[in-house]
Amino acid sequence: MKTSEIMVATEDLKLKLHRLIDEENDPAVLKLLDSVLSRKTAEAETIEDAWTDEDRAALEEGLADIRAGRMTSWEEVRKRYF
């Protein structure tokens, strides 16, 4: 892939991510994205080291939802966002 193609692909990805973030309304998802994209993640040895207590609580809540069957299939996510 040429440098110009990589730059275009990168810009397309950025635009897609911006759109997805703009459309997202779940505070837990937005907080997790903030954690992943923030500088504190880059400075941590692992991503888990950068998690706050709130991040861990949100993760546990999500896992409990999955265990209880409260989730959206990958197919539905793809239809909605891609």
PDB file of N, CA and C in Angstrom:
ATOM      1  N   MET A   1       0.850  -1.169   0.000  1.00  0.00           N
ATOM      2  CA  MET A   1       0.000   0.000   0.000  1.00  0.00           C
ATOM      3  C   MET A   1       0.900   1.238   0.000  1.00  0.00           C
ATOM      4  N   LYS A   2       0.584   2.201  -0.836  1.00  0.00           N
ATOM      5  CA  LYS A   2       1.354   3.438  -0.927  1.00  0.00           C
ATOM      6  C   LYS A   2       1.062   4.338   0.269  1.00  0.00           C
ATOM      7  N   THR A   3       1.998   5.233   0.532  1.00  0.00           N
ATOM      8  CA  THR A   3       1.834   6.166   1.643  1.00  0.00           C
ATOM      9  C   THR A   3       0.549   6.969   1.501  1.00  0.00           C
ATOM     10  N   SER A   4       0.254   7.426   0.293  1.00  0.00           N
ATOM     11  CA  SER A   4      -0.968   8.215   0.085  1.00  0.00           C
ATOM     12  C   SER A   4      -2.219   7.383   0.359  1.00  0.00           C
ATOM     13  N   GLU A   5      -2.192   6.099   0.020  1.00  0.00           N
ATOM     14  CA  GLU A   5      -3.332   5.218   0.288  1.00  0.00           C
ATOM     15  C   GLU A   5      -3.503   4.995   1.784  1.00  0.00           C
ATOM     16  N   ILE A   6      -2.386   4.871   2.481  1.00  0.00           N
ATOM     17  CA  ILE A   6      -2.438   4.694   3.937  1.00  0.00           C
ATOM     18  C   ILE A   6      -3.021   5.943   4.584  1.00  0.00           C
ATOM     19  N   MET A   7      -2.612   7.112   4.108  1.00  0.00           N
ATOM     20  CA  MET A   7      -3.118   8.364   4.666  1.00  0.00           C
ATOM     21  C   MET A   7      -4.622   8.492   4.443  1.00  0.00           C
ATOM     22  N   VAL A   8      -5.087   8.128   3.250  1.00  0.00           N
ATOM     23  CA  VAL A   8      -6.517   8.193   2.957  1.00  0.00           C
ATOM     24  C   VAL A   8      -7.276   7.200   3.837  1.00  0.00           C
ATOM     25  N   ALA A   9      -6.752   5.981   3.961  1.00  0.00           N
ATOM     26  CA  ALA A   9      -7.401   4.971   4.799  1.00  0.00           C
ATOM     27  C   ALA A   9      -7.463   5.438   6.252  1.00  0.00           C
ATOM     28  N   THR A  10      -6.396   6.066   6.720  1.00  0.00           N
ATOM     29  CA  THR A  10      -6.361   6.571   8.086  1.00  0.00           C
ATOM     30  C   THR A  10      -7.399   7.672   8.280  1.00  0.00           C
ATOM     31  N   GLU A  11      -7.487   8.579   7.340  1.00  0.00           N
ATOM     32  CA  GLU A  11      -8.475   9.669   7.433  1.00  0.00           C
ATOM     33  C   GLU A  11      -9.900   9.111   7.380  1.00  0.00           C
ATOM     34  N   ASP A  12     -10.126   8.124   6.525  1.00  0.00           N
ATOM     35  CA  ASP A  12     -11.448   7.486   6.460  1.00  0.00           C
ATOM     36  C   ASP A  12     -11.801   6.842   7.795  1.00  0.00           C
ATOM     37  N   LEU A  13     -10.828   6.176   8.392  1.00  0.00           N
ATOM     38  CA  LEU A  13     -11.054   5.534   9.688  1.00  0.00           C
ATOM     39  C   LEU A  13     -11.368   6.573  10.758  1.00  0.00           C
ATOM     40  N   LYS A  14     -10.644   7.665  10.747  1.00  0.00           N
ATOM     41  CA  LYS A  14     -10.898   8.730  11.718  1.00  0.00           C
ATOM     42  C   LYS A  14     -12.323   9.271  11.563  1.00  0.00           C
ATOM     43  N   LEU A  15     -12.738   9.507  10.333  1.00  0.00           N
ATOM     44  CA  LEU A  15     -14.087  10.018  10.085  1.00  0.00           C
ATOM     45  C   LEU A  15     -15.141   9.023  10.570  1.00  0.00           C
ATOM     46  N   LYS A  16     -14.900   7.742  10.309  1.00  0.00           N
ATOM     47  CA  LYS A  16     -15.827   6.704  10.752  1.00  0.00           C
ATOM     48  C   LYS A  16     -15.916   6.677  12.281  1.00  0.00           C
ATOM     49  N   LEU A  17     -14.757   6.749  12.935  1.00  0.00           N
ATOM     50  CA  LEU A  17     -14.741   6.744  14.397  1.00  0.00           C
ATOM     51  C   LEU A  17     -15.442   7.971  14.963  1.00  0.00           C
ATOM     52  N   HIS A  18     -15.210   9.130  14.358  1.00  0.00           N
ATOM     53  CA  HIS A  18     -15.897  10.347  14.798  1.00  0.00           C
ATOM     54  C   HIS A  18     -17.415  10.165  14.687  1.00  0.00           C
ATOM     55  N   ARG A  19     -17.862   9.605  13.573  1.00  0.00           N
ATOM     56  CA  ARG A  19     -19.288   9.403  13.360  1.00  0.00           C
ATOM     57  C   ARG A  19     -19.856   8.448  14.413  1.00  0.00           C
ATOM     58  N   LEU A  20     -19.152   7.353  14.653  1.00  0.00           N
ATOM     59  CA  LEU A  20     -19.627   6.384  15.636  1.00  0.00           C
ATOM     60  C   LEU A  20     -19.698   6.987  17.033  1.00  0.00           C
ATOM     61  N   ILE A  21     -18.694   7.766  17.383  1.00  0.00           N
ATOM     62  CA  ILE A  21     -18.688   8.410  18.706  1.00  0.00           C
ATOM     63  C   ILE A  21     -19.812   9.431  18.793  1.00  0.00           C
ATOM     64  N   ASP A  22     -20.016  10.212  17.727  1.00  0.00           N
ATOM     65  CA  ASP A  22     -21.093  11.200  17.730  1.00  0.00           C
ATOM     66  C   ASP A  22     -22.463  10.555  17.891  1.00  0.00           C
ATOM     67  N   GLU A  23     -22.636   9.354  17.354  1.00  0.00           N
ATOM     68  CA  GLU A  23     -23.926   8.662  17.422  1.00  0.00           C
ATOM     69  C   GLU A  23     -24.119   7.889  18.734  1.00  0.00           C
ATOM     70  N   GLU A  24     -23.042   7.674  19.472  1.00  0.00           N
ATOM     71  CA  GLU A  24     -23.121   6.878  20.702  1.00  0.00           C
ATOM     72  C   GLU A  24     -23.695   7.716  21.844  1.00  0.00           C
ATOM     73  N   ASN A  25     -24.648   7.147  22.574  1.00  0.00           N
ATOM     74  CA  ASN A  25     -25.271   7.852  23.694  1.00  0.00           C
ATOM     75  C   ASN A  25     -25.092   7.142  25.024  1.00  0.00           C
ATOM     76  N   ASP A  26     -24.479   5.985  25.016  1.00  0.00           N
ATOM     77  CA  ASP A  26     -24.295   5.217  26.250  1.00  0.00           C
ATOM     78  C   ASP A  26     -23.098   5.784  27.015  1.00  0.00           C
ATOM     79  N   PRO A  27     -23.318   6.364  28.201  1.00  0.00           N
ATOM     80  CA  PRO A  27     -22.215   6.955  28.956  1.00  0.00           C
ATOM     81  C   PRO A  27     -21.104   5.959  29.277  1.00  0.00           C
ATOM     82  N   ALA A  28     -21.451   4.697  29.529  1.00  0.00           N
ATOM     83  CA  ALA A  28     -20.431   3.697  29.853  1.00  0.00           C
ATOM     84  C   ALA A  28     -19.525   3.446  28.650  1.00  0.00           C
ATOM     85  N   VAL A  29     -20.113   3.392  27.472  1.00  0.00           N
ATOM     86  CA  VAL A  29     -19.322   3.182  26.252  1.00  0.00           C
ATOM     87  C   VAL A  29     -18.423   4.387  26.001  1.00  0.00           C
ATOM     88  N   LEU A  30     -18.975   5.580  26.160  1.00  0.00           N
ATOM     89  CA  LEU A  30     -18.178   6.795  25.940  1.00  0.00           C
ATOM     90  C   LEU A  30     -17.039   6.902  26.945  1.00  0.00           C
ATOM     91  N   LYS A  31     -17.308   6.543  28.183  1.00  0.00           N
ATOM     92  CA  LYS A  31     -16.260   6.588  29.207  1.00  0.00           C
ATOM     93  C   LYS A  31     -15.145   5.587  28.886  1.00  0.00           C
ATOM     94  N   LEU A  32     -15.532   4.412  28.418  1.00  0.00           N
ATOM     95  CA  LEU A  32     -14.539   3.416  28.051  1.00  0.00           C
ATOM     96  C   LEU A  32     -13.702   3.900  26.864  1.00  0.00           C
ATOM     97  N   LEU A  33     -14.354   4.491  25.868  1.00  0.00           N
ATOM     98  CA  LEU A  33     -13.609   5.040  24.732  1.00  0.00           C
ATOM     99  C   LEU A  33     -12.646   6.127  25.190  1.00  0.00           C
ATOM    100  N   ASP A  34     -13.100   6.977  26.082  1.00  0.00           N
ATOM    101  CA  ASP A  34     -12.224   8.018  26.618  1.00  0.00           C
ATOM    102  C   ASP A  34     -11.008   7.405  27.289  1.00  0.00           C
ATOM    103  N   SER A  35     -11.231   6.363  28.060  1.00  0.00           N
ATOM    104  CA  SER A  35     -10.134   5.689  28.743  1.00  0.00           C
ATOM    105  C   SER A  35      -9.149   5.091  27.750  1.00  0.00           C
ATOM    106  N   VAL A  36      -9.686   4.439  26.734  1.00  0.00           N
ATOM    107  CA  VAL A  36      -8.828   3.792  25.736  1.00  0.00           C
ATOM    108  C   VAL A  36      -8.027   4.818  24.949  1.00  0.00           C
ATOM    109  N   LEU A  37      -8.658   5.927  24.618  1.00  0.00           N
ATOM    110  CA  LEU A  37      -8.006   6.920  23.760  1.00  0.00           C
ATOM    111  C   LEU A  37      -7.163   7.947  24.521  1.00  0.00           C
ATOM    112  N   SER A  38      -7.237   7.931  25.831  1.00  0.00           N
ATOM    113  CA  SER A  38      -6.514   8.942  26.598  1.00  0.00           C
ATOM    114  C   SER A  38      -5.042   8.599  26.758  1.00  0.00           C
ATOM    115  N   ARG A  39      -4.291   9.574  27.165  1.00  0.00           N
ATOM    116  CA  ARG A  39      -2.845   9.401  27.363  1.00  0.00           C
ATOM    117  C   ARG A  39      -2.538   8.416  28.480  1.00  0.00           C
ATOM    118  N   LYS A  40      -3.400   8.329  29.498  1.00  0.00           N
ATOM    119  CA  LYS A  40      -3.105   7.449  30.621  1.00  0.00           C
ATOM    120  C   LYS A  40      -2.983   6.003  30.167  1.00  0.00           C
ATOM    121  N   THR A  41      -3.717   5.635  29.121  1.00  0.00           N
ATOM    122  CA  THR A  41      -3.620   4.280  28.586  1.00  0.00           C
ATOM    123  C   THR A  41      -2.249   4.049  27.972  1.00  0.00           C
ATOM    124  N   ALA A  42      -1.766   5.025  27.253  1.00  0.00           N
ATOM    125  CA  ALA A  42      -0.464   4.891  26.604  1.00  0.00           C
ATOM    126  C   ALA A  42       0.656   4.758  27.630  1.00  0.00           C
ATOM    127  N   GLU A  43       0.472   5.339  28.793  1.00  0.00           N
ATOM    128  CA  GLU A  43       1.502   5.299  29.824  1.00  0.00           C
ATOM    129  C   GLU A  43       1.432   4.038  30.684  1.00  0.00           C
ATOM    130  N   ALA A  44       0.323   3.336  30.647  1.00  0.00           N
ATOM    131  CA  ALA A  44       0.147   2.143  31.480  1.00  0.00           C
ATOM    132  C   ALA A  44       0.805   0.935  30.827  1.00  0.00           C
ATOM    133  N   GLU A  45       1.234  -0.012  31.652  1.00  0.00           N
ATOM    134  CA  GLU A  45       1.811  -1.251  31.120  1.00  0.00           C
ATOM    135  C   GLU A  45       0.767  -2.054  30.362  1.00  0.00           C
ATOM    136  N   THR A  46      -0.416  -2.141  30.918  1.00  0.00           N
ATOM    137  CA  THR A  46      -1.529  -2.818  30.251  1.00  0.00           C
ATOM    138  C   THR A  46      -2.735  -1.896  30.309  1.00  0.00           C
ATOM    139  N   ILE A  47      -3.723  -2.157  29.468  1.00  0.00           N
ATOM    140  CA  ILE A  47      -4.920  -1.309  29.472  1.00  0.00           C
ATOM    141  C   ILE A  47      -5.637  -1.392  30.816  1.00  0.00           C
ATOM    142  N   GLU A  48      -5.574  -2.554  31.449  1.00  0.00           N
ATOM    143  CA  GLU A  48      -6.234  -2.705  32.740  1.00  0.00           C
ATOM    144  C   GLU A  48      -5.647  -1.780  33.795  1.00  0.00           C
ATOM    145  N   ASP A  49      -4.360  -1.470  33.675  1.00  0.00           N
ATOM    146  CA  ASP A  49      -3.717  -0.562  34.631  1.00  0.00           C
ATOM    147  C   ASP A  49      -4.303   0.842  34.551  1.00  0.00           C
ATOM    148  N   ALA A  50      -4.882   1.186  33.409  1.00  0.00           N
ATOM    149  CA  ALA A  50      -5.427   2.528  33.208  1.00  0.00           C
ATOM    150  C   ALA A  50      -6.887   2.637  33.630  1.00  0.00           C
ATOM    151  N   TRP A  51      -7.534   1.510  33.930  1.00  0.00           N
ATOM    152  CA  TRP A  51      -8.948   1.534  34.291  1.00  0.00           C
ATOM    153  C   TRP A  51      -9.172   2.159  35.658  1.00  0.00           C
ATOM    154  N   THR A  52     -10.222   2.950  35.742  1.00  0.00           N
ATOM    155  CA  THR A  52     -10.644   3.505  37.032  1.00  0.00           C
ATOM    156  C   THR A  52     -11.607   2.515  37.679  1.00  0.00           C
ATOM    157  N   ASP A  53     -11.971   2.793  38.930  1.00  0.00           N
ATOM    158  CA  ASP A  53     -12.973   1.955  39.598  1.00  0.00           C
ATOM    159  C   ASP A  53     -14.295   1.989  38.832  1.00  0.00           C
ATOM    160  N   GLU A  54     -14.622   3.153  38.272  1.00  0.00           N
ATOM    161  CA  GLU A  54     -15.851   3.270  37.476  1.00  0.00           C
ATOM    162  C   GLU A  54     -15.757   2.409  36.217  1.00  0.00           C
ATOM    163  N   ASP A  55     -14.575   2.382  35.582  1.00  0.00           N
ATOM    164  CA  ASP A  55     -14.378   1.532  34.398  1.00  0.00           C
ATOM    165  C   ASP A  55     -14.603   0.072  34.753  1.00  0.00           C
ATOM    166  N   ARG A  56     -14.029  -0.350  35.868  1.00  0.00           N
ATOM    167  CA  ARG A  56     -14.177  -1.750  36.301  1.00  0.00           C
ATOM    168  C   ARG A  56     -15.642  -2.071  36.613  1.00  0.00           C
ATOM    169  N   ALA A  57     -16.343  -1.141  37.257  1.00  0.00           N
ATOM    170  CA  ALA A  57     -17.757  -1.351  37.574  1.00  0.00           C
ATOM    171  C   ALA A  57     -18.583  -1.456  36.289  1.00  0.00           C
ATOM    172  N   ALA A  58     -18.286  -0.607  35.307  1.00  0.00           N
ATOM    173  CA  ALA A  58     -19.001  -0.658  34.034  1.00  0.00           C
ATOM    174  C   ALA A  58     -18.734  -1.981  33.320  1.00  0.00           C
ATOM    175  N   LEU A  59     -17.502  -2.444  33.384  1.00  0.00           N
ATOM    176  CA  LEU A  59     -17.161  -3.731  32.778  1.00  0.00           C
ATOM    177  C   LEU A  59     -17.925  -4.863  33.454  1.00  0.00           C
ATOM    178  N   GLU A  60     -17.950  -4.859  34.770  1.00  0.00           N
ATOM    179  CA  GLU A  60     -18.680  -5.898  35.498  1.00  0.00           C
ATOM    180  C   GLU A  60     -20.170  -5.848  35.176  1.00  0.00           C
ATOM    181  N   GLU A  61     -20.710  -4.640  35.047  1.00  0.00           N
ATOM    182  CA  GLU A  61     -22.123  -4.493  34.689  1.00  0.00           C
ATOM    183  C   GLU A  61     -22.380  -5.075  33.299  1.00  0.00           C
ATOM    184  N   GLY A  62     -21.488  -4.785  32.367  1.00  0.00           N
ATOM    185  CA  GLY A  62     -21.625  -5.325  31.014  1.00  0.00           C
ATOM    186  C   GLY A  62     -21.533  -6.837  30.990  1.00  0.00           C
ATOM    187  N   LEU A  63     -20.607  -7.390  31.753  1.00  0.00           N
ATOM    188  CA  LEU A  63     -20.473  -8.846  31.815  1.00  0.00           C
ATOM    189  C   LEU A  63     -21.717  -9.489  32.432  1.00  0.00           C
ATOM    190  N   ALA A  64     -22.285  -8.834  33.442  1.00  0.00           N
ATOM    191  CA  ALA A  64     -23.519  -9.343  34.044  1.00  0.00           C
ATOM    192  C   ALA A  64     -24.661  -9.324  33.029  1.00  0.00           C
ATOM    193  N   ASP A  65     -24.729  -8.259  32.227  1.00  0.00           N
ATOM    194  CA  ASP A  65     -25.740  -8.194  31.167  1.00  0.00           C
ATOM    195  C   ASP A  65     -25.575  -9.341  30.178  1.00  0.00           C
ATOM    196  N   ILE A  66     -24.342  -9.608  29.800  1.00  0.00           N
ATOM    197  CA  ILE A  66     -24.080 -10.704  28.866  1.00  0.00           C
ATOM    198  C   ILE A  66     -24.535 -12.028  29.466  1.00  0.00           C
ATOM    199  N   ARG A  67     -24.157 -12.264  30.712  1.00  0.00           N
ATOM    200  CA  ARG A  67     -24.537 -13.517  31.379  1.00  0.00           C
ATOM    201  C   ARG A  67     -26.059 -13.672  31.454  1.00  0.00           C
ATOM    202  N   ALA A  68     -26.768 -12.532  31.586  1.00  0.00           N
ATOM    203  CA  ALA A  68     -28.226 -12.555  31.697  1.00  0.00           C
ATOM    204  C   ALA A  68     -28.914 -12.534  30.332  1.00  0.00           C
ATOM    205  N   GLY A  69     -28.114 -12.503  29.263  1.00  0.00           N
ATOM    206  CA  GLY A  69     -28.685 -12.511  27.920  1.00  0.00           C
ATOM    207  C   GLY A  69     -29.117 -11.151  27.414  1.00  0.00           C
ATOM    208  N   ARG A  70     -28.761 -10.091  28.134  1.00  0.00           N
ATOM    209  CA  ARG A  70     -29.097  -8.730  27.702  1.00  0.00           C
ATOM    210  C   ARG A  70     -27.958  -8.190  26.860  1.00  0.00           C
ATOM    211  N   MET A  71     -28.007  -8.511  25.568  1.00  0.00           N
ATOM    212  CA  MET A  71     -26.931  -8.058  24.680  1.00  0.00           C
ATOM    213  C   MET A  71     -27.472  -7.939  23.268  1.00  0.00           C
ATOM    214  N   THR A  72     -26.683  -7.310  22.424  1.00  0.00           N
ATOM    215  CA  THR A  72     -27.016  -7.145  21.014  1.00  0.00           C
ATOM    216  C   THR A  72     -26.061  -8.002  20.209  1.00  0.00           C
ATOM    217  N   SER A  73     -26.593  -8.728  19.264  1.00  0.00           N
ATOM    218  CA  SER A  73     -25.750  -9.604  18.444  1.00  0.00           C
ATOM    219  C   SER A  73     -24.814  -8.776  17.571  1.00  0.00           C
ATOM    220  N   TRP A  74     -23.721  -9.389  17.157  1.00  0.00           N
ATOM    221  CA  TRP A  74     -22.763  -8.733  16.271  1.00  0.00           C
ATOM    222  C   TRP A  74     -23.449  -8.331  14.972  1.00  0.00           C
ATOM    223  N   GLU A  75     -24.361  -9.166  14.485  1.00  0.00           N
ATOM    224  CA  GLU A  75     -25.079  -8.851  13.253  1.00  0.00           C
ATOM    225  C   GLU A  75     -25.881  -7.560  13.406  1.00  0.00           C
ATOM    226  N   GLU A  76     -26.548  -7.396  14.554  1.00  0.00           N
ATOM    227  CA  GLU A  76     -27.313  -6.181  14.795  1.00  0.00           C
ATOM    228  C   GLU A  76     -26.404  -4.952  14.919  1.00  0.00           C
ATOM    229  N   VAL A  77     -25.275  -5.116  15.555  1.00  0.00           N
ATOM    230  CA  VAL A  77     -24.315  -4.004  15.668  1.00  0.00           C
ATOM    231  C   VAL A  77     -23.842  -3.594  14.280  1.00  0.00           C
ATOM    232  N   ARG A  78     -23.502  -4.573  13.458  1.00  0.00           N
ATOM    233  CA  ARG A  78     -23.044  -4.274  12.098  1.00  0.00           C
ATOM    234  C   ARG A  78     -24.118  -3.550  11.300  1.00  0.00           C
ATOM    235  N   LYS A  79     -25.377  -3.975  11.421  1.00  0.00           N
ATOM    236  CA  LYS A  79     -26.462  -3.322  10.705  1.00  0.00           C
ATOM    237  C   LYS A  79     -26.616  -1.858  11.158  1.00  0.00           C
ATOM    238  N   ARG A  80     -26.460  -1.652  12.454  1.00  0.00           N
ATOM    239  CA  ARG A  80     -26.678  -0.314  12.998  1.00  0.00           C
ATOM    240  C   ARG A  80     -25.535   0.652  12.687  1.00  0.00           C
ATOM    241  N   TYR A  81     -24.297   0.165  12.763  1.00  0.00           N
ATOM    242  CA  TYR A  81     -23.152   1.079  12.691  1.00  0.00           C
ATOM    243  C   TYR A  81     -22.332   1.000  11.408  1.00  0.00           C
ATOM    244  N   PHE A  82     -22.497  -0.044  10.614  1.00  0.00           N
ATOM    245  CA  PHE A  82     -21.623  -0.169   9.448  1.00  0.00           C
ATOM    246  C   PHE A  82     -22.385  -0.154   8.172  1.00  0.00           C
TER     247      PHE A  82
END
